Amino acid sequence: MLSSITAVSYTRFTNTLCSPHHPGFSRQIVALFKDHAIQFSSFDILSDEEVRGGLKTFSNWPTYPQVYVNGELVGGLDIVKELAESGELENTCPKAVTLEHRLKSTINRSPVMLFMKGNKEQAKCGFSLQILEIMNSSGVEYSTFDILEDEEVRQGLKTYSNWPTYPQLYVNGELIGGLDIVKELKDSGDLSSVLRGEC
């Protein structure tokens, strides 16, 4: 079976696993990682004989699978099982972060957070430019997130906020709205107090 031997490698933010169908020892490690919500990816060592032989020499570990975290060898299945049983697996391997958690974290990165096309220094569409001009004239500190740099956040935030367009403005983790709402708040004189979280 081609995927029965898998070298599993980890990095701090991206972890790798070869395919969802891993017989034997590799399947057991995959199950442990999934049970513990460990984010991972893999490399099928049967697809590259040079890597297969070289990794054994490099790691001084004669069998597969081999688990690496941040480029350091953790060990094979027995070590991973021991870590799981002792409760140390979660401390050793990064956990998967859900999109919802990631969105909440990004929204709350700053008390006033603007999701837009571009950033404070350079708007990449007319609506984003207009909202920047309004925000800059408000005198309130704010941070920006360029949705063009992260498609997952760009699409996910539309669903999370139930707001289909950009820019989107958040204050203290709560959606205020888009450009039209911000213009209305400015015209009514309420923008400054909303941005300061007073309303």
N, C-alpha and C. Protein backbone atom coordinates (compact mmCIF):
# COMPACT_ATOMS: atom_id res chain seq x y z
N MET A 1 0.85 -1.18 0.00
CA MET A 1 0.00 0.00 0.00
C MET A 1 0.89 1.23 0.00
N LEU A 2 0.67 2.08 -0.97
CA LEU A 2 1.55 3.20 -1.17
C LEU A 2 1.61 4.19 -0.01
N SER A 3 0.49 4.48 0.64
CA SER A 3 0.51 5.50 1.68
C SER A 3 0.70 4.92 3.07
N SER A 4 1.16 3.66 3.17
CA SER A 4 1.30 3.07 4.49
C SER A 4 2.52 3.60 5.24
N ILE A 5 3.46 4.20 4.54
CA ILE A 5 4.63 4.78 5.20
C ILE A 5 4.63 6.26 4.89
N THR A 6 4.56 7.05 5.93
CA THR A 6 4.45 8.49 5.74
C THR A 6 5.36 9.20 6.72
N ALA A 7 6.13 10.13 6.23
CA ALA A 7 6.89 11.01 7.12
C ALA A 7 6.03 12.23 7.37
N VAL A 8 5.65 12.45 8.60
CA VAL A 8 4.80 13.59 8.93
C VAL A 8 5.69 14.69 9.44
N SER A 9 5.54 15.88 8.88
CA SER A 9 6.39 16.98 9.32
C SER A 9 5.53 18.13 9.81
N TYR A 10 6.08 18.92 10.72
CA TYR A 10 5.36 20.05 11.32
C TYR A 10 6.15 21.32 11.20
N THR A 11 5.44 22.42 11.04
CA THR A 11 6.04 23.73 11.20
C THR A 11 5.13 24.48 12.17
N ARG A 12 5.53 25.66 12.56
CA ARG A 12 4.76 26.35 13.59
C ARG A 12 3.34 26.65 13.13
N PHE A 13 3.18 27.06 11.90
CA PHE A 13 1.86 27.47 11.45
C PHE A 13 1.25 26.52 10.43
N THR A 14 2.06 25.77 9.72
CA THR A 14 1.53 24.86 8.71
C THR A 14 2.07 23.48 8.99
N ASN A 15 1.21 22.51 9.08
CA ASN A 15 1.62 21.14 9.33
C ASN A 15 1.05 20.27 8.22
N THR A 16 1.72 19.18 7.92
CA THR A 16 1.43 18.45 6.70
C THR A 16 1.04 17.00 6.91
N LEU A 17 0.06 16.49 6.16
CA LEU A 17 -0.24 15.06 6.13
C LEU A 17 -0.63 14.66 4.72
N CYS A 18 -0.17 13.48 4.30
CA CYS A 18 -0.20 13.07 2.89
C CYS A 18 -1.60 12.86 2.33
N SER A 19 -2.37 11.95 2.90
CA SER A 19 -3.71 11.69 2.36
C SER A 19 -4.58 11.22 3.51
N PRO A 20 -5.89 11.28 3.37
CA PRO A 20 -6.76 10.87 4.46
C PRO A 20 -6.78 9.37 4.68
N HIS A 21 -6.19 8.59 3.80
CA HIS A 21 -6.24 7.13 3.92
C HIS A 21 -4.85 6.60 4.21
N HIS A 22 -4.52 6.41 5.50
CA HIS A 22 -3.19 5.98 5.91
C HIS A 22 -3.30 4.68 6.69
N PRO A 23 -2.91 3.55 6.10
CA PRO A 23 -2.97 2.28 6.82
C PRO A 23 -1.89 2.20 7.90
N GLY A 24 -2.05 1.27 8.82
CA GLY A 24 -1.01 0.94 9.78
C GLY A 24 -0.65 2.06 10.72
N PHE A 25 0.68 2.19 10.96
CA PHE A 25 1.18 3.16 11.92
C PHE A 25 0.81 4.59 11.55
N SER A 26 0.88 4.89 10.26
CA SER A 26 0.54 6.25 9.83
C SER A 26 -0.92 6.57 10.13
N ARG A 27 -1.80 5.60 9.90
CA ARG A 27 -3.23 5.81 10.19
C ARG A 27 -3.43 6.09 11.69
N GLN A 28 -2.69 5.38 12.53
CA GLN A 28 -2.83 5.59 13.98
C GLN A 28 -2.38 7.00 14.38
N ILE A 29 -1.28 7.47 13.78
CA ILE A 29 -0.83 8.83 14.09
C ILE A 29 -1.86 9.84 13.60
N VAL A 30 -2.37 9.64 12.39
CA VAL A 30 -3.39 10.55 11.85
C VAL A 30 -4.59 10.61 12.80
N ALA A 31 -5.03 9.46 13.27
CA ALA A 31 -6.18 9.41 14.19
C ALA A 31 -5.88 10.17 15.47
N LEU A 32 -4.68 9.99 16.01
CA LEU A 32 -4.30 10.72 17.24
C LEU A 32 -4.31 12.23 16.99
N PHE A 33 -3.75 12.65 15.87
CA PHE A 33 -3.72 14.07 15.56
C PHE A 33 -5.13 14.63 15.42
N LYS A 34 -5.98 13.91 14.74
CA LYS A 34 -7.36 14.38 14.55
C LYS A 34 -8.10 14.42 15.88
N ASP A 35 -7.92 13.39 16.71
CA ASP A 35 -8.58 13.34 18.03
C ASP A 35 -8.17 14.52 18.90
N HIS A 36 -6.94 14.99 18.71
CA HIS A 36 -6.42 16.08 19.54
C HIS A 36 -6.42 17.42 18.81
N ALA A 37 -7.12 17.49 17.67
CA ALA A 37 -7.25 18.72 16.88
C ALA A 37 -5.89 19.32 16.53
N ILE A 38 -4.94 18.46 16.19
CA ILE A 38 -3.61 18.91 15.81
C ILE A 38 -3.61 19.22 14.31
N GLN A 39 -3.13 20.40 13.97
CA GLN A 39 -3.04 20.80 12.56
C GLN A 39 -1.79 20.15 11.98
N PHE A 40 -1.92 19.49 10.83
CA PHE A 40 -0.78 18.76 10.29
C PHE A 40 -0.86 18.61 8.78
N SER A 41 0.28 18.23 8.23
CA SER A 41 0.35 17.86 6.82
C SER A 41 1.43 16.79 6.72
N SER A 42 1.62 16.21 5.51
CA SER A 42 2.59 15.12 5.43
C SER A 42 3.29 15.07 4.10
N PHE A 43 4.28 14.24 4.08
CA PHE A 43 5.03 13.96 2.86
C PHE A 43 5.08 12.45 2.71
N ASP A 44 4.63 11.94 1.57
CA ASP A 44 4.65 10.50 1.32
C ASP A 44 6.06 10.11 0.90
N ILE A 45 6.79 9.47 1.80
CA ILE A 45 8.19 9.15 1.54
C ILE A 45 8.34 8.11 0.43
N LEU A 46 7.27 7.40 0.08
CA LEU A 46 7.35 6.46 -1.03
C LEU A 46 7.38 7.17 -2.38
N SER A 47 7.06 8.46 -2.37
CA SER A 47 7.07 9.22 -3.63
C SER A 47 8.46 9.75 -3.96
N ASP A 48 9.41 9.62 -3.03
CA ASP A 48 10.75 10.14 -3.27
C ASP A 48 11.77 9.30 -2.52
N GLU A 49 12.41 8.38 -3.22
CA GLU A 49 13.36 7.45 -2.60
C GLU A 49 14.54 8.18 -1.96
N GLU A 50 14.97 9.27 -2.57
CA GLU A 50 16.10 10.03 -2.02
C GLU A 50 15.74 10.61 -0.64
N VAL A 51 14.55 11.18 -0.54
CA VAL A 51 14.10 11.72 0.75
C VAL A 51 13.92 10.58 1.75
N ARG A 52 13.34 9.48 1.29
CA ARG A 52 13.09 8.33 2.17
C ARG A 52 14.39 7.85 2.82
N GLY A 53 15.43 7.64 2.02
CA GLY A 53 16.70 7.18 2.57
C GLY A 53 17.43 8.27 3.33
N GLY A 54 17.40 9.48 2.79
CA GLY A 54 18.12 10.59 3.41
C GLY A 54 17.57 10.99 4.75
N LEU A 55 16.26 10.92 4.92
CA LEU A 55 15.65 11.32 6.18
C LEU A 55 16.02 10.38 7.31
N LYS A 56 16.15 9.09 7.00
CA LYS A 56 16.58 8.13 8.02
C LYS A 56 17.98 8.49 8.52
N THR A 57 18.87 8.85 7.62
CA THR A 57 20.23 9.23 7.99
C THR A 57 20.22 10.56 8.74
N PHE A 58 19.50 11.52 8.20
CA PHE A 58 19.44 12.85 8.80
C PHE A 58 18.92 12.80 10.24
N SER A 59 17.85 12.03 10.44
CA SER A 59 17.21 12.00 11.75
C SER A 59 17.81 10.95 12.69
N ASN A 60 18.59 10.04 12.11
CA ASN A 60 19.10 8.91 12.89
C ASN A 60 17.93 8.13 13.50
N TRP A 61 16.86 8.03 12.75
CA TRP A 61 15.64 7.33 13.16
C TRP A 61 15.30 6.36 12.03
N PRO A 62 15.36 5.05 12.27
CA PRO A 62 15.32 4.10 11.16
C PRO A 62 13.94 3.75 10.60
N THR A 63 12.88 4.20 11.23
CA THR A 63 11.55 3.77 10.79
C THR A 63 10.66 4.96 10.48
N TYR A 64 9.53 4.66 9.85
CA TYR A 64 8.50 5.65 9.56
C TYR A 64 7.19 5.17 10.16
N PRO A 65 6.29 6.12 10.48
CA PRO A 65 6.36 7.55 10.25
C PRO A 65 7.31 8.25 11.23
N GLN A 66 7.76 9.44 10.82
CA GLN A 66 8.57 10.31 11.66
C GLN A 66 7.81 11.62 11.82
N VAL A 67 7.72 12.11 13.03
CA VAL A 67 6.98 13.34 13.31
C VAL A 67 7.98 14.44 13.66
N TYR A 68 7.83 15.56 12.97
CA TYR A 68 8.68 16.73 13.21
C TYR A 68 7.81 17.91 13.63
N VAL A 69 8.28 18.67 14.59
CA VAL A 69 7.62 19.91 14.99
C VAL A 69 8.65 21.01 14.87
N ASN A 70 8.33 22.03 14.08
CA ASN A 70 9.25 23.14 13.84
C ASN A 70 10.62 22.65 13.40
N GLY A 71 10.65 21.62 12.56
CA GLY A 71 11.89 21.10 12.01
C GLY A 71 12.66 20.16 12.92
N GLU A 72 12.16 19.91 14.11
CA GLU A 72 12.83 19.03 15.06
C GLU A 72 12.09 17.70 15.15
N LEU A 73 12.85 16.61 15.13
CA LEU A 73 12.26 15.28 15.25
C LEU A 73 11.66 15.09 16.63
N VAL A 74 10.39 14.68 16.65
CA VAL A 74 9.73 14.31 17.90
C VAL A 74 9.88 12.81 18.10
N GLY A 75 9.65 12.03 17.04
CA GLY A 75 9.78 10.58 17.10
C GLY A 75 8.74 9.92 16.22
N GLY A 76 8.47 8.65 16.52
CA GLY A 76 7.52 7.87 15.75
C GLY A 76 6.22 7.67 16.51
N LEU A 77 5.49 6.64 16.12
CA LEU A 77 4.18 6.37 16.70
C LEU A 77 4.23 6.18 18.20
N ASP A 78 5.20 5.40 18.70
CA ASP A 78 5.26 5.15 20.15
C ASP A 78 5.42 6.44 20.94
N ILE A 79 6.27 7.33 20.46
CA ILE A 79 6.48 8.61 21.15
C ILE A 79 5.21 9.44 21.11
N VAL A 80 4.55 9.49 19.96
CA VAL A 80 3.32 10.27 19.83
C VAL A 80 2.25 9.71 20.76
N LYS A 81 2.15 8.39 20.86
CA LYS A 81 1.18 7.77 21.78
C LYS A 81 1.49 8.16 23.23
N GLU A 82 2.77 8.11 23.61
CA GLU A 82 3.16 8.50 24.97
C GLU A 82 2.80 9.95 25.24
N LEU A 83 3.06 10.82 24.28
CA LEU A 83 2.71 12.24 24.45
C LEU A 83 1.21 12.41 24.61
N ALA A 84 0.43 11.67 23.82
CA ALA A 84 -1.03 11.76 23.92
C ALA A 84 -1.52 11.28 25.28
N GLU A 85 -0.97 10.15 25.75
CA GLU A 85 -1.40 9.58 27.03
C GLU A 85 -1.01 10.48 28.21
N SER A 86 0.12 11.18 28.10
CA SER A 86 0.58 12.04 29.20
C SER A 86 -0.06 13.43 29.15
N GLY A 87 -0.78 13.72 28.07
CA GLY A 87 -1.39 15.04 27.92
C GLY A 87 -0.44 16.08 27.33
N GLU A 88 0.73 15.67 26.90
CA GLU A 88 1.72 16.60 26.37
C GLU A 88 1.63 16.82 24.86
N LEU A 89 0.80 16.05 24.17
CA LEU A 89 0.73 16.16 22.72
C LEU A 89 0.31 17.56 22.29
N GLU A 90 -0.68 18.12 22.96
CA GLU A 90 -1.16 19.45 22.61
C GLU A 90 -0.10 20.51 22.83
N ASN A 91 0.77 20.32 23.84
CA ASN A 91 1.85 21.28 24.09
C ASN A 91 2.97 21.14 23.08
N THR A 92 3.12 19.94 22.52
CA THR A 92 4.21 19.67 21.58
C THR A 92 3.85 20.07 20.17
N CYS A 93 2.61 19.84 19.76
CA CYS A 93 2.17 20.10 18.38
C CYS A 93 1.14 21.21 18.36
N PRO A 94 1.22 22.09 17.35
CA PRO A 94 0.23 23.16 17.24
C PRO A 94 -1.17 22.62 16.96
N LYS A 95 -2.16 23.23 17.59
CA LYS A 95 -3.55 22.83 17.34
C LYS A 95 -4.09 23.56 16.12
N ALA A 96 -5.05 22.94 15.49
CA ALA A 96 -5.73 23.59 14.37
C ALA A 96 -6.55 24.76 14.91
N VAL A 97 -6.55 25.84 14.18
CA VAL A 97 -7.31 27.01 14.56
C VAL A 97 -8.53 27.09 13.65
N THR A 98 -9.71 27.16 14.24
CA THR A 98 -10.90 27.24 13.42
C THR A 98 -10.99 28.62 12.77
N LEU A 99 -11.68 28.69 11.66
CA LEU A 99 -11.84 29.97 10.98
C LEU A 99 -12.57 30.95 11.88
N GLU A 100 -13.58 30.49 12.60
CA GLU A 100 -14.32 31.40 13.49
C GLU A 100 -13.40 31.99 14.55
N HIS A 101 -12.54 31.16 15.15
CA HIS A 101 -11.61 31.65 16.15
C HIS A 101 -10.65 32.67 15.52
N ARG A 102 -10.18 32.35 14.33
CA ARG A 102 -9.26 33.24 13.62
C ARG A 102 -9.92 34.58 13.32
N LEU A 103 -11.19 34.54 12.89
CA LEU A 103 -11.90 35.78 12.59
C LEU A 103 -12.10 36.62 13.84
N LYS A 104 -12.54 35.98 14.93
CA LYS A 104 -12.73 36.72 16.19
C LYS A 104 -11.44 37.36 16.65
N SER A 105 -10.35 36.59 16.55
CA SER A 105 -9.06 37.10 16.97
C SER A 105 -8.63 38.29 16.11
N THR A 106 -8.86 38.21 14.81
CA THR A 106 -8.48 39.30 13.91
C THR A 106 -9.35 40.52 14.13
N ILE A 107 -10.64 40.32 14.31
CA ILE A 107 -11.57 41.43 14.57
C ILE A 107 -11.18 42.17 15.84
N ASN A 108 -10.71 41.42 16.84
CA ASN A 108 -10.37 42.03 18.14
C ASN A 108 -8.90 42.40 18.25
N ARG A 109 -8.20 42.41 17.15
CA ARG A 109 -6.77 42.77 17.16
C ARG A 109 -6.58 44.21 17.63
N SER A 110 -7.57 45.03 17.39
CA SER A 110 -7.52 46.45 17.75
C SER A 110 -8.94 46.87 18.14
N PRO A 111 -9.08 47.85 19.05
CA PRO A 111 -10.44 48.30 19.41
C PRO A 111 -11.26 48.78 18.21
N VAL A 112 -10.60 49.40 17.24
CA VAL A 112 -11.26 49.83 16.01
C VAL A 112 -10.53 49.15 14.86
N MET A 113 -11.24 48.26 14.17
CA MET A 113 -10.63 47.43 13.14
C MET A 113 -11.39 47.60 11.83
N LEU A 114 -10.66 47.94 10.79
CA LEU A 114 -11.26 48.15 9.47
C LEU A 114 -10.76 47.09 8.50
N PHE A 115 -11.69 46.31 7.97
CA PHE A 115 -11.38 45.31 6.95
C PHE A 115 -11.66 45.96 5.60
N MET A 116 -10.64 45.99 4.77
CA MET A 116 -10.74 46.77 3.54
C MET A 116 -9.86 46.17 2.46
N LYS A 117 -9.97 46.71 1.27
CA LYS A 117 -9.08 46.35 0.17
C LYS A 117 -7.91 47.34 0.22
N GLY A 118 -6.77 46.83 0.69
CA GLY A 118 -5.61 47.68 0.90
C GLY A 118 -5.37 47.88 2.38
N ASN A 119 -4.66 48.96 2.72
CA ASN A 119 -4.35 49.26 4.12
C ASN A 119 -4.34 50.77 4.32
N LYS A 120 -3.97 51.22 5.51
CA LYS A 120 -3.96 52.65 5.82
C LYS A 120 -3.13 53.46 4.83
N GLU A 121 -2.04 52.87 4.38
CA GLU A 121 -1.12 53.57 3.49
C GLU A 121 -1.61 53.60 2.04
N GLN A 122 -2.36 52.58 1.64
CA GLN A 122 -2.78 52.52 0.23
C GLN A 122 -4.08 51.74 0.08
N ALA A 123 -5.14 52.46 -0.20
CA ALA A 123 -6.42 51.83 -0.50
C ALA A 123 -6.36 51.25 -1.91
N LYS A 124 -7.03 50.11 -2.11
CA LYS A 124 -7.00 49.46 -3.42
C LYS A 124 -8.36 49.47 -4.10
N CYS A 125 -9.29 50.28 -3.61
CA CYS A 125 -10.56 50.51 -4.30
C CYS A 125 -11.15 51.82 -3.81
N GLY A 126 -12.10 52.34 -4.56
CA GLY A 126 -12.69 53.62 -4.23
C GLY A 126 -13.42 53.65 -2.90
N PHE A 127 -14.15 52.59 -2.57
CA PHE A 127 -14.87 52.54 -1.30
C PHE A 127 -13.90 52.54 -0.13
N SER A 128 -12.82 51.78 -0.27
CA SER A 128 -11.81 51.74 0.80
C SER A 128 -11.14 53.11 0.95
N LEU A 129 -10.88 53.78 -0.16
CA LEU A 129 -10.27 55.11 -0.09
C LEU A 129 -11.20 56.09 0.63
N GLN A 130 -12.50 56.03 0.31
CA GLN A 130 -13.46 56.94 0.96
C GLN A 130 -13.53 56.70 2.46
N ILE A 131 -13.56 55.43 2.87
CA ILE A 131 -13.67 55.16 4.30
C ILE A 131 -12.37 55.54 5.03
N LEU A 132 -11.22 55.38 4.36
CA LEU A 132 -9.96 55.82 4.96
C LEU A 132 -9.97 57.32 5.22
N GLU A 133 -10.46 58.08 4.25
CA GLU A 133 -10.52 59.53 4.42
C GLU A 133 -11.39 59.90 5.62
N ILE A 134 -12.51 59.22 5.78
CA ILE A 134 -13.40 59.49 6.91
C ILE A 134 -12.73 59.09 8.22
N MET A 135 -12.14 57.89 8.24
CA MET A 135 -11.48 57.41 9.46
C MET A 135 -10.32 58.32 9.85
N ASN A 136 -9.53 58.74 8.89
CA ASN A 136 -8.38 59.60 9.18
C ASN A 136 -8.81 60.96 9.71
N SER A 137 -9.97 61.44 9.27
CA SER A 137 -10.45 62.73 9.76
C SER A 137 -11.10 62.62 11.13
N SER A 138 -11.36 61.39 11.61
CA SER A 138 -12.04 61.21 12.90
C SER A 138 -11.13 61.44 14.09
N GLY A 139 -9.83 61.31 13.87
CA GLY A 139 -8.89 61.48 14.99
C GLY A 139 -8.80 60.27 15.91
N VAL A 140 -9.46 59.17 15.55
CA VAL A 140 -9.45 57.96 16.38
C VAL A 140 -8.45 56.97 15.80
N GLU A 141 -7.66 56.36 16.66
CA GLU A 141 -6.71 55.34 16.22
C GLU A 141 -7.46 54.10 15.74
N TYR A 142 -6.99 53.51 14.67
CA TYR A 142 -7.61 52.30 14.14
C TYR A 142 -6.56 51.46 13.43
N SER A 143 -6.88 50.18 13.23
CA SER A 143 -6.02 49.28 12.48
C SER A 143 -6.78 48.78 11.26
N THR A 144 -6.03 48.32 10.27
CA THR A 144 -6.65 47.80 9.06
C THR A 144 -6.20 46.37 8.79
N PHE A 145 -7.02 45.67 8.02
CA PHE A 145 -6.68 44.32 7.55
C PHE A 145 -6.99 44.29 6.06
N ASP A 146 -6.00 43.94 5.25
CA ASP A 146 -6.17 43.89 3.81
C ASP A 146 -6.78 42.54 3.42
N ILE A 147 -8.06 42.54 3.08
CA ILE A 147 -8.75 41.30 2.74
C ILE A 147 -8.25 40.68 1.44
N LEU A 148 -7.56 41.47 0.61
CA LEU A 148 -7.02 40.93 -0.63
C LEU A 148 -5.82 40.02 -0.37
N GLU A 149 -5.27 40.10 0.83
CA GLU A 149 -4.10 39.28 1.19
C GLU A 149 -4.50 37.94 1.79
N ASP A 150 -5.78 37.74 2.09
CA ASP A 150 -6.20 36.51 2.76
C ASP A 150 -7.62 36.14 2.33
N GLU A 151 -7.71 35.24 1.35
CA GLU A 151 -9.01 34.86 0.78
C GLU A 151 -9.91 34.18 1.80
N GLU A 152 -9.33 33.41 2.72
CA GLU A 152 -10.13 32.72 3.73
C GLU A 152 -10.84 33.73 4.63
N VAL A 153 -10.11 34.74 5.08
CA VAL A 153 -10.72 35.79 5.90
C VAL A 153 -11.72 36.59 5.07
N ARG A 154 -11.36 36.90 3.85
CA ARG A 154 -12.24 37.69 2.98
C ARG A 154 -13.61 37.03 2.82
N GLN A 155 -13.64 35.74 2.52
CA GLN A 155 -14.91 35.04 2.34
C GLN A 155 -15.57 34.71 3.68
N GLY A 156 -14.77 34.29 4.64
CA GLY A 156 -15.32 33.89 5.94
C GLY A 156 -15.97 35.02 6.69
N LEU A 157 -15.39 36.21 6.61
CA LEU A 157 -15.94 37.35 7.35
C LEU A 157 -17.31 37.77 6.82
N LYS A 158 -17.52 37.59 5.52
CA LYS A 158 -18.84 37.91 4.95
C LYS A 158 -19.93 37.07 5.62
N THR A 159 -19.64 35.79 5.81
CA THR A 159 -20.61 34.89 6.44
C THR A 159 -20.70 35.18 7.93
N TYR A 160 -19.55 35.32 8.58
CA TYR A 160 -19.49 35.54 10.03
C TYR A 160 -20.29 36.80 10.41
N SER A 161 -20.10 37.87 9.65
CA SER A 161 -20.74 39.15 9.98
C SER A 161 -22.12 39.30 9.35
N ASN A 162 -22.46 38.39 8.40
CA ASN A 162 -23.69 38.52 7.63
C ASN A 162 -23.73 39.87 6.92
N TRP A 163 -22.55 40.28 6.44
CA TRP A 163 -22.42 41.54 5.71
C TRP A 163 -21.65 41.22 4.44
N PRO A 164 -22.27 41.33 3.25
CA PRO A 164 -21.68 40.77 2.03
C PRO A 164 -20.60 41.60 1.34
N THR A 165 -20.37 42.83 1.79
CA THR A 165 -19.45 43.70 1.06
C THR A 165 -18.34 44.24 1.96
N TYR A 166 -17.36 44.84 1.31
CA TYR A 166 -16.26 45.52 2.01
C TYR A 166 -16.19 46.94 1.52
N PRO A 167 -15.72 47.84 2.40
CA PRO A 167 -15.10 47.63 3.71
C PRO A 167 -16.12 47.31 4.81
N GLN A 168 -15.58 46.74 5.91
CA GLN A 168 -16.36 46.46 7.11
C GLN A 168 -15.61 47.06 8.30
N LEU A 169 -16.34 47.79 9.13
CA LEU A 169 -15.75 48.45 10.30
C LEU A 169 -16.26 47.80 11.58
N TYR A 170 -15.34 47.45 12.48
CA TYR A 170 -15.66 46.85 13.77
C TYR A 170 -15.14 47.74 14.89
N VAL A 171 -15.95 47.87 15.95
CA VAL A 171 -15.52 48.59 17.15
C VAL A 171 -15.74 47.67 18.33
N ASN A 172 -14.69 47.43 19.08
CA ASN A 172 -14.72 46.52 20.23
C ASN A 172 -15.34 45.18 19.87
N GLY A 173 -14.97 44.67 18.68
CA GLY A 173 -15.41 43.35 18.25
C GLY A 173 -16.80 43.30 17.64
N GLU A 174 -17.49 44.44 17.57
CA GLU A 174 -18.85 44.48 17.03
C GLU A 174 -18.87 45.17 15.67
N LEU A 175 -19.60 44.58 14.72
CA LEU A 175 -19.73 45.18 13.40
C LEU A 175 -20.52 46.48 13.48
N ILE A 176 -19.93 47.55 12.93
CA ILE A 176 -20.64 48.82 12.81
C ILE A 176 -21.32 48.87 11.45
N GLY A 177 -20.59 48.48 10.41
CA GLY A 177 -21.16 48.45 9.06
C GLY A 177 -20.11 48.79 8.02
N GLY A 178 -20.61 49.16 6.85
CA GLY A 178 -19.73 49.49 5.74
C GLY A 178 -19.67 50.99 5.51
N LEU A 179 -19.26 51.36 4.31
CA LEU A 179 -19.05 52.76 3.98
C LEU A 179 -20.32 53.59 4.16
N ASP A 180 -21.47 53.11 3.71
CA ASP A 180 -22.72 53.89 3.82
C ASP A 180 -23.06 54.18 5.28
N ILE A 181 -22.91 53.19 6.15
CA ILE A 181 -23.20 53.39 7.59
C ILE A 181 -22.23 54.40 8.18
N VAL A 182 -20.95 54.25 7.85
CA VAL A 182 -19.94 55.17 8.38
C VAL A 182 -20.21 56.60 7.90
N LYS A 183 -20.63 56.76 6.63
CA LYS A 183 -20.99 58.10 6.12
C LYS A 183 -22.17 58.67 6.89
N GLU A 184 -23.19 57.83 7.15
CA GLU A 184 -24.37 58.29 7.90
C GLU A 184 -23.97 58.72 9.32
N LEU A 185 -23.10 57.92 9.96
CA LEU A 185 -22.65 58.28 11.31
C LEU A 185 -21.87 59.60 11.29
N LYS A 186 -21.07 59.79 10.28
CA LYS A 186 -20.30 61.05 10.17
C LYS A 186 -21.26 62.22 9.98
N ASP A 187 -22.22 62.05 9.05
CA ASP A 187 -23.16 63.14 8.76
C ASP A 187 -24.03 63.49 9.96
N SER A 188 -24.35 62.49 10.78
CA SER A 188 -25.20 62.75 11.96
C SER A 188 -24.39 63.24 13.16
N GLY A 189 -23.06 63.22 13.05
CA GLY A 189 -22.22 63.67 14.15
C GLY A 189 -21.95 62.59 15.19
N ASP A 190 -22.36 61.36 14.92
CA ASP A 190 -22.21 60.28 15.91
C ASP A 190 -20.96 59.43 15.71
N LEU A 191 -20.23 59.64 14.63
CA LEU A 191 -19.11 58.75 14.32
C LEU A 191 -18.06 58.70 15.42
N SER A 192 -17.68 59.85 15.91
CA SER A 192 -16.61 59.89 16.92
C SER A 192 -16.98 59.12 18.17
N SER A 193 -18.21 59.28 18.66
CA SER A 193 -18.61 58.54 19.87
C SER A 193 -18.76 57.05 19.59
N VAL A 194 -19.19 56.66 18.40
CA VAL A 194 -19.29 55.24 18.05
C VAL A 194 -17.88 54.64 18.00
N LEU A 195 -16.95 55.34 17.37
CA LEU A 195 -15.57 54.83 17.26
C LEU A 195 -14.90 54.72 18.63
N ARG A 196 -15.31 55.54 19.57
CA ARG A 196 -14.73 55.48 20.92
C ARG A 196 -15.49 54.47 21.80
N GLY A 197 -16.51 53.82 21.21
CA GLY A 197 -17.26 52.82 21.96
C GLY A 197 -18.21 53.41 22.97
N GLU A 198 -18.62 54.64 22.76
CA GLU A 198 -19.50 55.31 23.71
C GLU A 198 -20.97 55.12 23.40
N CYS A 199 -21.28 54.55 22.24
CA CYS A 199 -22.69 54.34 21.86
C CYS A 199 -23.02 52.87 21.85
